[in-house]
Amino acid sequence: MSDFWHKLGCCVVEKPQPKKRRRRIDRSMIGEPMNFVHLTHIG
């Protein structure tokens, strides 16, 4: 009986992940801040 549950568990684990992958942000994608307003000062 445990073999049945083992096989069932394997099927559940091996489900393909949804393709909601975040894009990696590279240093080249980050530029100077636009419309930046300094509102508060901490410290």
PDB file of N, CA and C in Angstrom:
ATOM      1  N   MET A   1       0.832  -1.207   0.000  1.00  0.00           N
ATOM      2  CA  MET A   1       0.000   0.000   0.000  1.00  0.00           C
ATOM      3  C   MET A   1       0.866   1.256   0.000  1.00  0.00           C
ATOM      4  N   SER A   2       1.975   1.248   0.723  1.00  0.00           N
ATOM      5  CA  SER A   2       2.831   2.432   0.777  1.00  0.00           C
ATOM      6  C   SER A   2       3.456   2.716  -0.588  1.00  0.00           C
ATOM      7  N   ASP A   3       3.664   1.665  -1.393  1.00  0.00           N
ATOM      8  CA  ASP A   3       4.218   1.850  -2.729  1.00  0.00           C
ATOM      9  C   ASP A   3       3.272   2.691  -3.589  1.00  0.00           C
ATOM     10  N   PHE A   4       1.965   2.478  -3.415  1.00  0.00           N
ATOM     11  CA  PHE A   4       0.960   3.257  -4.143  1.00  0.00           C
ATOM     12  C   PHE A   4       1.079   4.732  -3.796  1.00  0.00           C
ATOM     13  N   TRP A   5       1.183   5.029  -2.499  1.00  0.00           N
ATOM     14  CA  TRP A   5       1.276   6.430  -2.062  1.00  0.00           C
ATOM     15  C   TRP A   5       2.588   7.053  -2.525  1.00  0.00           C
ATOM     16  N   HIS A   6       3.656   6.238  -2.563  1.00  0.00           N
ATOM     17  CA  HIS A   6       4.949   6.742  -3.017  1.00  0.00           C
ATOM     18  C   HIS A   6       4.856   7.176  -4.482  1.00  0.00           C
ATOM     19  N   LYS A   7       4.231   6.325  -5.313  1.00  0.00           N
ATOM     20  CA  LYS A   7       4.088   6.653  -6.730  1.00  0.00           C
ATOM     21  C   LYS A   7       3.198   7.879  -6.913  1.00  0.00           C
ATOM     22  N   LEU A   8       2.142   7.966  -6.133  1.00  0.00           N
ATOM     23  CA  LEU A   8       1.231   9.103  -6.214  1.00  0.00           C
ATOM     24  C   LEU A   8       1.968  10.386  -5.832  1.00  0.00           C
ATOM     25  N   GLY A   9       2.773  10.317  -4.768  1.00  0.00           N
ATOM     26  CA  GLY A   9       3.541  11.477  -4.323  1.00  0.00           C
ATOM     27  C   GLY A   9       4.533  11.935  -5.379  1.00  0.00           C
ATOM     28  N   CYS A  10       5.164  10.987  -6.057  1.00  0.00           N
ATOM     29  CA  CYS A  10       6.124  11.338  -7.099  1.00  0.00           C
ATOM     30  C   CYS A  10       5.437  12.085  -8.230  1.00  0.00           C
ATOM     31  N   CYS A  11       4.248  11.649  -8.587  1.00  0.00           N
ATOM     32  CA  CYS A  11       3.517  12.315  -9.673  1.00  0.00           C
ATOM     33  C   CYS A  11       3.182  13.748  -9.287  1.00  0.00           C
ATOM     34  N   VAL A  12       2.828  13.967  -8.036  1.00  0.00           N
ATOM     35  CA  VAL A  12       2.453  15.305  -7.578  1.00  0.00           C
ATOM     36  C   VAL A  12       3.678  16.209  -7.577  1.00  0.00           C
ATOM     37  N   VAL A  13       4.814  15.685  -7.135  1.00  0.00           N
ATOM     38  CA  VAL A  13       6.031  16.490  -7.035  1.00  0.00           C
ATOM     39  C   VAL A  13       6.541  16.880  -8.422  1.00  0.00           C
ATOM     40  N   GLU A  14       6.407  15.985  -9.394  1.00  0.00           N
ATOM     41  CA  GLU A  14       6.988  16.226 -10.713  1.00  0.00           C
ATOM     42  C   GLU A  14       6.091  17.039 -11.629  1.00  0.00           C
ATOM     43  N   LYS A  15       5.051  17.675 -11.074  1.00  0.00           N
ATOM     44  CA  LYS A  15       4.202  18.545 -11.898  1.00  0.00           C
ATOM     45  C   LYS A  15       5.040  19.706 -12.409  1.00  0.00           C
ATOM     46  N   PRO A  16       4.897  20.077 -13.664  1.00  0.00           N
ATOM     47  CA  PRO A  16       5.669  21.224 -14.162  1.00  0.00           C
ATOM     48  C   PRO A  16       5.234  22.517 -13.494  1.00  0.00           C
ATOM     49  N   GLN A  17       6.194  23.333 -13.161  1.00  0.00           N
ATOM     50  CA  GLN A  17       5.913  24.605 -12.504  1.00  0.00           C
ATOM     51  C   GLN A  17       5.251  25.553 -13.492  1.00  0.00           C
ATOM     52  N   PRO A  18       4.336  26.393 -13.024  1.00  0.00           N
ATOM     53  CA  PRO A  18       3.753  27.394 -13.923  1.00  0.00           C
ATOM     54  C   PRO A  18       4.827  28.364 -14.396  1.00  0.00           C
ATOM     55  N   LYS A  19       4.687  28.831 -15.619  1.00  0.00           N
ATOM     56  CA  LYS A  19       5.737  29.677 -16.203  1.00  0.00           C
ATOM     57  C   LYS A  19       5.581  31.122 -15.779  1.00  0.00           C
ATOM     58  N   LYS A  20       5.542  31.351 -14.464  1.00  0.00           N
ATOM     59  CA  LYS A  20       5.482  32.715 -13.931  1.00  0.00           C
ATOM     60  C   LYS A  20       6.867  33.067 -13.410  1.00  0.00           C
ATOM     61  N   ARG A  21       7.836  33.081 -14.302  1.00  0.00           N
ATOM     62  CA  ARG A  21       9.211  33.329 -13.875  1.00  0.00           C
ATOM     63  C   ARG A  21       9.494  34.809 -13.904  1.00  0.00           C
ATOM     64  N   ARG A  22      10.072  35.303 -12.840  1.00  0.00           N
ATOM     65  CA  ARG A  22      10.449  36.717 -12.818  1.00  0.00           C
ATOM     66  C   ARG A  22      11.694  36.913 -13.662  1.00  0.00           C
ATOM     67  N   ARG A  23      11.699  38.008 -14.410  1.00  0.00           N
ATOM     68  CA  ARG A  23      12.890  38.327 -15.185  1.00  0.00           C
ATOM     69  C   ARG A  23      13.977  38.810 -14.242  1.00  0.00           C
ATOM     70  N   ARG A  24      15.187  38.336 -14.485  1.00  0.00           N
ATOM     71  CA  ARG A  24      16.309  38.793 -13.667  1.00  0.00           C
ATOM     72  C   ARG A  24      16.655  40.211 -14.089  1.00  0.00           C
ATOM     73  N   ILE A  25      16.828  41.060 -13.104  1.00  0.00           N
ATOM     74  CA  ILE A  25      17.168  42.451 -13.398  1.00  0.00           C
ATOM     75  C   ILE A  25      18.681  42.579 -13.415  1.00  0.00           C
ATOM     76  N   ASP A  26      19.187  43.027 -14.531  1.00  0.00           N
ATOM     77  CA  ASP A  26      20.624  43.193 -14.704  1.00  0.00           C
ATOM     78  C   ASP A  26      20.997  44.632 -14.398  1.00  0.00           C
ATOM     79  N   ARG A  27      22.257  44.850 -14.121  1.00  0.00           N
ATOM     80  CA  ARG A  27      22.730  46.202 -13.822  1.00  0.00           C
ATOM     81  C   ARG A  27      22.538  47.119 -15.030  1.00  0.00           C
ATOM     82  N   SER A  28      22.615  46.547 -16.220  1.00  0.00           N
ATOM     83  CA  SER A  28      22.465  47.356 -17.434  1.00  0.00           C
ATOM     84  C   SER A  28      21.029  47.827 -17.623  1.00  0.00           C
ATOM     85  N   MET A  29      20.054  47.146 -17.005  1.00  0.00           N
ATOM     86  CA  MET A  29      18.645  47.540 -17.129  1.00  0.00           C
ATOM     87  C   MET A  29      18.295  48.690 -16.201  1.00  0.00           C
ATOM     88  N   ILE A  30      19.162  48.952 -15.211  1.00  0.00           N
ATOM     89  CA  ILE A  30      18.863  49.986 -14.231  1.00  0.00           C
ATOM     90  C   ILE A  30      19.571  51.271 -14.638  1.00  0.00           C
ATOM     91  N   GLY A  31      18.794  52.312 -14.854  1.00  0.00           N
ATOM     92  CA  GLY A  31      19.378  53.592 -15.235  1.00  0.00           C
ATOM     93  C   GLY A  31      19.215  54.598 -14.114  1.00  0.00           C
ATOM     94  N   GLU A  32      19.377  55.864 -14.448  1.00  0.00           N
ATOM     95  CA  GLU A  32      19.169  56.929 -13.476  1.00  0.00           C
ATOM     96  C   GLU A  32      17.689  57.011 -13.140  1.00  0.00           C
ATOM     97  N   PRO A  33      17.349  57.320 -11.886  1.00  0.00           N
ATOM     98  CA  PRO A  33      15.932  57.435 -11.533  1.00  0.00           C
ATOM     99  C   PRO A  33      15.280  58.614 -12.249  1.00  0.00           C
ATOM    100  N   MET A  34      14.071  58.375 -12.754  1.00  0.00           N
ATOM    101  CA  MET A  34      13.339  59.440 -13.443  1.00  0.00           C
ATOM    102  C   MET A  34      12.230  59.941 -12.532  1.00  0.00           C
ATOM    103  N   ASN A  35      11.994  61.244 -12.533  1.00  0.00           N
ATOM    104  CA  ASN A  35      10.961  61.882 -11.712  1.00  0.00           C
ATOM    105  C   ASN A  35      11.150  61.547 -10.227  1.00  0.00           C
ATOM    106  N   PHE A  36      12.381  61.536  -9.785  1.00  0.00           N
ATOM    107  CA  PHE A  36      12.667  61.189  -8.393  1.00  0.00           C
ATOM    108  C   PHE A  36      12.515  62.423  -7.511  1.00  0.00           C
ATOM    109  N   VAL A  37      11.744  62.285  -6.445  1.00  0.00           N
ATOM    110  CA  VAL A  37      11.546  63.387  -5.506  1.00  0.00           C
ATOM    111  C   VAL A  37      11.908  62.884  -4.117  1.00  0.00           C
ATOM    112  N   HIS A  38      12.827  63.557  -3.458  1.00  0.00           N
ATOM    113  CA  HIS A  38      13.238  63.165  -2.116  1.00  0.00           C
ATOM    114  C   HIS A  38      12.210  63.718  -1.123  1.00  0.00           C
ATOM    115  N   LEU A  39      11.409  62.820  -0.546  1.00  0.00           N
ATOM    116  CA  LEU A  39      10.322  63.274   0.330  1.00  0.00           C
ATOM    117  C   LEU A  39      10.704  63.253   1.802  1.00  0.00           C
ATOM    118  N   THR A  40      11.376  62.209   2.242  1.00  0.00           N
ATOM    119  CA  THR A  40      11.679  62.091   3.675  1.00  0.00           C
ATOM    120  C   THR A  40      13.148  61.781   3.877  1.00  0.00           C
ATOM    121  N   HIS A  41      13.598  62.056   5.071  1.00  0.00           N
ATOM    122  CA  HIS A  41      14.961  61.710   5.443  1.00  0.00           C
ATOM    123  C   HIS A  41      14.905  60.834   6.680  1.00  0.00           C
ATOM    124  N   ILE A  42      15.566  59.684   6.615  1.00  0.00           N
ATOM    125  CA  ILE A  42      15.561  58.761   7.755  1.00  0.00           C
ATOM    126  C   ILE A  42      16.921  58.831   8.428  1.00  0.00           C
ATOM    127  N   GLY A  43      16.908  59.037   9.743  1.00  0.00           N
ATOM    128  CA  GLY A  43      18.154  59.061  10.497  1.00  0.00           C
ATOM    129  C   GLY A  43      18.629  60.465  10.612  1.00  0.00           C
TER     130      GLY A  43
END
